[in-house]
Protein backbone atom coordinates (compact mmCIF):
# COMPACT_ATOMS: atom_id res chain seq x y z
CA UNK A 1 45.71 -12.97 31.08
CA UNK A 2 46.79 -13.32 27.48
CA UNK A 3 45.34 -16.83 27.31
CA UNK A 4 42.09 -15.58 28.83
CA UNK A 5 41.89 -12.72 26.37
CA UNK A 6 42.75 -15.07 23.55
CA UNK A 7 40.03 -17.50 24.58
CA UNK A 8 37.62 -14.61 25.08
CA UNK A 9 38.42 -13.25 21.63
CA UNK A 10 37.85 -16.67 20.08
CA UNK A 11 34.51 -17.10 21.86
CA UNK A 12 33.51 -13.53 21.05
CA UNK A 13 34.39 -13.94 17.37
CA UNK A 14 32.51 -17.25 17.27
CA UNK A 15 29.50 -15.59 18.87
CA UNK A 16 29.62 -12.77 16.34
CA UNK A 17 29.77 -15.30 13.50
CA UNK A 18 26.79 -17.24 14.93
CA UNK A 19 24.83 -14.04 15.53
CA UNK A 20 25.58 -12.80 12.02
CA UNK A 21 24.52 -16.17 10.59
CA UNK A 22 21.29 -16.10 12.59
CA UNK A 23 20.55 -12.56 11.44
CA UNK A 24 21.27 -13.51 7.83
CA UNK A 25 18.90 -16.48 8.16
CA UNK A 26 16.23 -14.26 9.70
CA UNK A 27 16.65 -11.73 6.89
CA UNK A 28 16.36 -14.51 4.33
CA UNK A 29 13.18 -15.87 5.92
CA UNK A 30 11.80 -12.34 6.22
CA UNK A 31 12.56 -11.63 2.57
CA UNK A 32 10.99 -14.90 1.49
CA UNK A 33 7.92 -14.04 3.53
CA UNK A 34 7.72 -10.64 1.95
CA UNK A 35 7.63 -12.20 -1.50
CA UNK A 36 4.18 -13.44 -0.59
CA UNK A 37 3.16 -10.04 0.70
CA UNK A 38 1.33 -7.50 -1.49
CA UNK A 39 3.56 -4.83 0.02
CA UNK A 40 6.41 -5.82 -2.28
CA UNK A 41 4.70 -7.07 -5.40
CA UNK A 42 1.81 -5.94 -7.52
CA UNK A 43 -1.24 -7.86 -6.39
CA UNK A 44 -3.36 -9.16 -9.25
CA UNK A 45 -7.07 -8.54 -9.60
CA UNK A 46 -7.77 -12.26 -9.20
CA UNK A 47 -5.78 -12.32 -5.94
CA UNK A 48 -7.64 -9.29 -4.65
CA UNK A 49 -10.97 -10.89 -5.59
CA UNK A 50 -9.98 -13.92 -3.52
CA UNK A 51 -8.94 -11.67 -0.65
CA UNK A 52 -12.34 -9.94 -0.72
CA UNK A 53 -14.18 -13.28 -0.70
CA UNK A 54 -12.10 -14.60 2.19
CA UNK A 55 -12.21 -11.40 4.25
CA UNK A 56 -15.96 -10.80 3.83
CA UNK A 57 -17.71 -14.19 4.00
CA UNK A 58 -21.04 -12.41 4.42
CA UNK A 59 -20.73 -10.79 0.98
CA UNK A 60 -23.16 -12.48 -1.39
CA UNK A 61 -21.76 -12.52 -4.94
CA UNK A 62 -24.33 -13.36 -7.59
CA UNK A 63 -25.33 -12.49 -11.14
CA UNK A 64 -26.59 -9.09 -9.98
CA UNK A 65 -23.29 -7.81 -8.58
CA UNK A 66 -20.53 -10.14 -9.81
CA UNK A 67 -19.52 -8.01 -12.80
CA UNK A 68 -19.43 -4.87 -10.65
CA UNK A 69 -17.24 -6.55 -8.02
CA UNK A 70 -14.92 -7.89 -10.73
CA UNK A 71 -14.73 -4.43 -12.27
CA UNK A 72 -13.88 -2.86 -8.90
CA UNK A 73 -11.16 -5.47 -8.34
CA UNK A 74 -9.64 -4.56 -11.69
CA UNK A 75 -9.83 -0.85 -10.93
CA UNK A 76 -8.36 -1.03 -7.43
CA UNK A 77 -5.42 -3.13 -8.66
CA UNK A 78 -4.76 -0.74 -11.57
CA UNK A 79 -5.43 -3.53 -14.05
CA UNK A 80 -5.63 -2.32 -17.65
CA UNK A 81 -8.46 -4.77 -18.30
CA UNK A 82 -10.69 -2.30 -16.45
CA UNK A 83 -10.55 -0.12 -19.54
CA UNK A 84 -11.97 -2.92 -21.69
CA UNK A 85 -15.38 -1.65 -20.62
CA UNK A 86 -16.33 1.24 -22.86
CA UNK A 87 -15.65 4.63 -21.29
CA UNK A 88 -13.68 3.30 -18.31
CA UNK A 89 -10.38 5.05 -17.57
CA UNK A 90 -8.08 4.11 -14.68
CA UNK A 91 -7.13 7.73 -13.96
CA UNK A 92 -10.71 8.60 -13.00
CA UNK A 93 -12.49 7.87 -9.72
CA UNK A 94 -15.50 5.59 -9.24
CA UNK A 95 -19.13 6.72 -9.25
CA UNK A 96 -21.19 3.75 -8.10
CA UNK A 97 -24.87 4.21 -8.89
CA UNK A 98 -28.07 2.28 -8.38
CA UNK A 99 -31.31 2.08 -6.45
CA UNK A 100 -31.82 2.00 -2.70
CA UNK A 101 -30.41 -0.97 -0.84
CA UNK A 102 -28.54 -2.60 -3.75
CA UNK A 103 -25.25 -2.54 -1.82
CA UNK A 104 -23.42 0.56 -3.06
CA UNK A 105 -22.26 1.77 0.36
CA UNK A 106 -21.51 -1.76 1.53
CA UNK A 107 -19.25 -2.45 -1.45
CA UNK A 108 -17.40 0.85 -1.22
CA UNK A 109 -16.73 0.18 2.46
CA UNK A 110 -15.34 -3.25 1.56
CA UNK A 111 -13.01 -1.75 -1.05
CA UNK A 112 -11.88 1.17 1.16
CA UNK A 113 -8.56 -0.57 1.91
CA UNK A 114 -7.18 -1.58 -1.46
CA UNK A 115 -3.91 -1.95 -3.41
CA UNK A 116 -4.43 1.38 -5.16
CA UNK A 117 -5.36 4.13 -2.66
CA UNK A 118 -7.14 3.92 0.69
CA UNK A 119 -10.18 6.12 1.24
CA UNK A 120 -12.79 6.84 3.88
CA UNK A 121 -16.49 6.52 3.16
CA UNK A 122 -18.28 9.63 4.39
CA UNK A 123 -21.98 10.41 4.12
CA UNK A 124 -22.76 13.59 2.18
CA UNK A 125 -25.44 14.39 4.75
CA UNK A 126 -22.85 14.19 7.55
CA UNK A 127 -20.47 16.42 5.60
CA UNK A 128 -23.23 19.01 5.16
CA UNK A 129 -24.02 18.99 8.89
CA UNK A 130 -20.31 19.22 9.68
CA UNK A 131 -20.01 22.20 7.34
CA UNK A 132 -22.80 23.99 9.19
CA UNK A 133 -20.72 23.95 12.38
CA UNK A 134 -17.23 24.35 10.97
CA UNK A 135 -17.37 25.62 7.42
CA UNK A 136 -13.80 26.47 6.36
CA UNK A 137 -12.12 23.54 8.14
CA UNK A 138 -14.68 21.13 6.71
CA UNK A 139 -14.15 22.49 3.21
CA UNK A 140 -10.38 22.08 3.54
CA UNK A 141 -10.70 18.62 5.07
CA UNK A 142 -12.66 17.10 2.20
CA UNK A 143 -10.85 18.73 -0.70
CA UNK A 144 -7.32 17.56 0.12
CA UNK A 145 -5.67 14.21 0.76
CA UNK A 146 -5.41 13.29 4.44
CA UNK A 147 -3.18 11.08 6.58
CA UNK A 148 -4.37 8.08 8.55
CA UNK A 149 -2.58 6.63 11.58
CA UNK A 150 -2.95 3.17 10.06
CA UNK A 151 -0.89 2.30 7.01
CA UNK A 152 -2.55 0.70 3.99
CA UNK A 153 -2.29 -3.09 4.28
CA UNK A 154 -1.26 -3.39 0.64
CA UNK A 155 0.88 -0.32 -0.03
CA UNK A 156 2.16 0.79 3.36
CA UNK A 157 0.98 4.34 2.61
CA UNK A 158 -0.79 6.52 5.20
CA UNK A 159 -2.36 8.80 2.59
CA UNK A 160 -6.13 8.54 2.22
CA UNK A 161 -8.85 10.19 0.14
CA UNK A 162 -12.66 10.02 0.32
CA UNK A 163 -15.72 8.33 -1.04
CA UNK A 164 -18.70 10.68 -0.75
CA UNK A 165 -21.63 8.44 0.07
CA UNK A 166 -25.26 8.98 -1.01
CA UNK A 167 -24.62 12.07 -3.09
CA UNK A 168 -27.94 13.84 -3.59
CA UNK A 169 -29.39 13.19 -0.13
CA UNK A 170 -27.78 16.20 1.56
CA UNK A 171 -29.56 19.46 2.37
CA UNK A 172 -28.70 22.79 0.76
CA UNK A 173 -26.60 25.02 3.01
CA UNK A 174 -25.11 28.49 2.61
CA UNK A 175 -21.53 28.32 1.38
CA UNK A 176 -19.59 31.47 2.34
CA UNK A 177 -22.83 33.46 2.45
CA UNK A 178 -24.28 32.12 -0.79
CA UNK A 179 -27.22 29.73 -1.05
CA UNK A 180 -25.45 26.78 -2.60
CA UNK A 181 -25.00 23.05 -2.26
CA UNK A 182 -22.05 22.18 -0.03
CA UNK A 183 -21.21 19.05 -2.01
CA UNK A 184 -21.29 21.01 -5.25
CA UNK A 185 -18.60 23.35 -3.89
CA UNK A 186 -16.55 20.47 -2.47
CA UNK A 187 -16.70 18.52 -5.73
CA UNK A 188 -15.66 21.60 -7.71
CA UNK A 189 -12.61 21.99 -5.48
CA UNK A 190 -11.85 18.26 -5.68
CA UNK A 191 -11.87 18.61 -9.45
CA UNK A 192 -8.94 21.01 -9.08
CA UNK A 193 -7.08 19.25 -6.24
CA UNK A 194 -7.90 15.54 -6.31
CA UNK A 195 -8.95 14.60 -9.82
CA UNK A 196 -9.16 10.82 -10.07
CA UNK A 197 -8.65 10.28 -6.34
CA UNK A 198 -12.18 10.52 -4.95
CA UNK A 199 -15.25 8.33 -5.38
CA UNK A 200 -19.00 8.68 -4.86
CA UNK A 201 -22.12 6.59 -4.47
CA UNK A 202 -25.45 7.99 -5.60
CA UNK A 203 -29.04 7.15 -6.47
CA UNK A 204 -29.14 9.97 -9.03
CA UNK A 205 -29.05 9.61 -12.79
CA UNK A 206 -27.19 12.07 -15.03
CA UNK A 207 -30.20 14.38 -15.50
CA UNK A 208 -30.85 14.46 -11.75
CA UNK A 209 -27.20 15.31 -11.10
CA UNK A 210 -27.54 18.29 -13.43
CA UNK A 211 -30.78 19.37 -11.73
CA UNK A 212 -29.18 19.18 -8.28
CA UNK A 213 -25.68 20.47 -8.99
CA UNK A 214 -25.83 22.28 -12.31
CA UNK A 215 -24.52 21.70 -15.82
CA UNK A 216 -20.91 22.49 -14.91
CA UNK A 217 -20.77 19.78 -12.22
CA UNK A 218 -22.42 17.26 -14.52
CA UNK A 219 -19.80 18.05 -17.18
CA UNK A 220 -16.99 17.68 -14.66
CA UNK A 221 -18.43 14.39 -13.47
CA UNK A 222 -17.61 12.91 -16.86
CA UNK A 223 -13.97 13.87 -16.35
CA UNK A 224 -13.84 12.83 -12.69
CA UNK A 225 -15.61 9.47 -12.55
CA UNK A 226 -16.12 6.10 -14.16
CA UNK A 227 -19.86 5.47 -13.90
CA UNK A 228 -20.65 1.95 -12.73
CA UNK A 229 -24.33 1.20 -12.18
CA UNK A 230 -26.39 -1.61 -10.77
CA UNK A 231 -29.11 -2.71 -13.15
CA UNK A 232 -32.78 -1.96 -12.57
CA UNK A 233 -33.28 -5.64 -11.73
CA UNK A 234 -30.92 -5.40 -8.73
CA UNK A 235 -32.67 -6.32 -5.50
CA UNK A 236 -32.86 -4.46 -2.20
CA UNK A 237 -30.36 -6.46 -0.12
CA UNK A 238 -31.47 -4.83 3.12
CA UNK A 239 -34.59 -7.00 3.24
């Protein structure tokens, strides 16, 4: 019995040593693999640009949108070079402007999962209709950070914010009994709760924003967003 136990102990110890060695090797390989993963190192803007190109082969990058895409890559990787453009500040959100069909919504959908902060793209018209049916819950939903069941590919975080799409196309609804613009109220609350964490797309210029939402919202826009606009020569990519 002693010999059996002795042999068993030897085999058991040897097995433990082999198992420990295998686990150590697996951990080493796993760690080496992680070194290539953006989860454990700060991904550079150039790397993210390459990721976008590879992940979205249908995205046409040309002289009309290249600078905007490069700027968004800098912003969503927290690259200080983003602030080389006059007026740009990394702590603000993005307001992507331009004419119909130039690709604003398409680009913001592409950048929704990024190394900075994931967000959902939500139509302002849909938010307004949602508010009509469920006012208080809708107001709370879009003025606070939310949690997604899927973790961000780059950061591992489940926290998401929003990009309000096509600002200016929504209808005016009553907000708590007052005739007011739903998005105006939501943006005012976001200014208090989520400054620098939300984004918008819009066809409106600064004067039109003031006409639609008032002088106070226009003033707050300057503090909330980096304005990035497609040029007048940008084509309608829907054709």
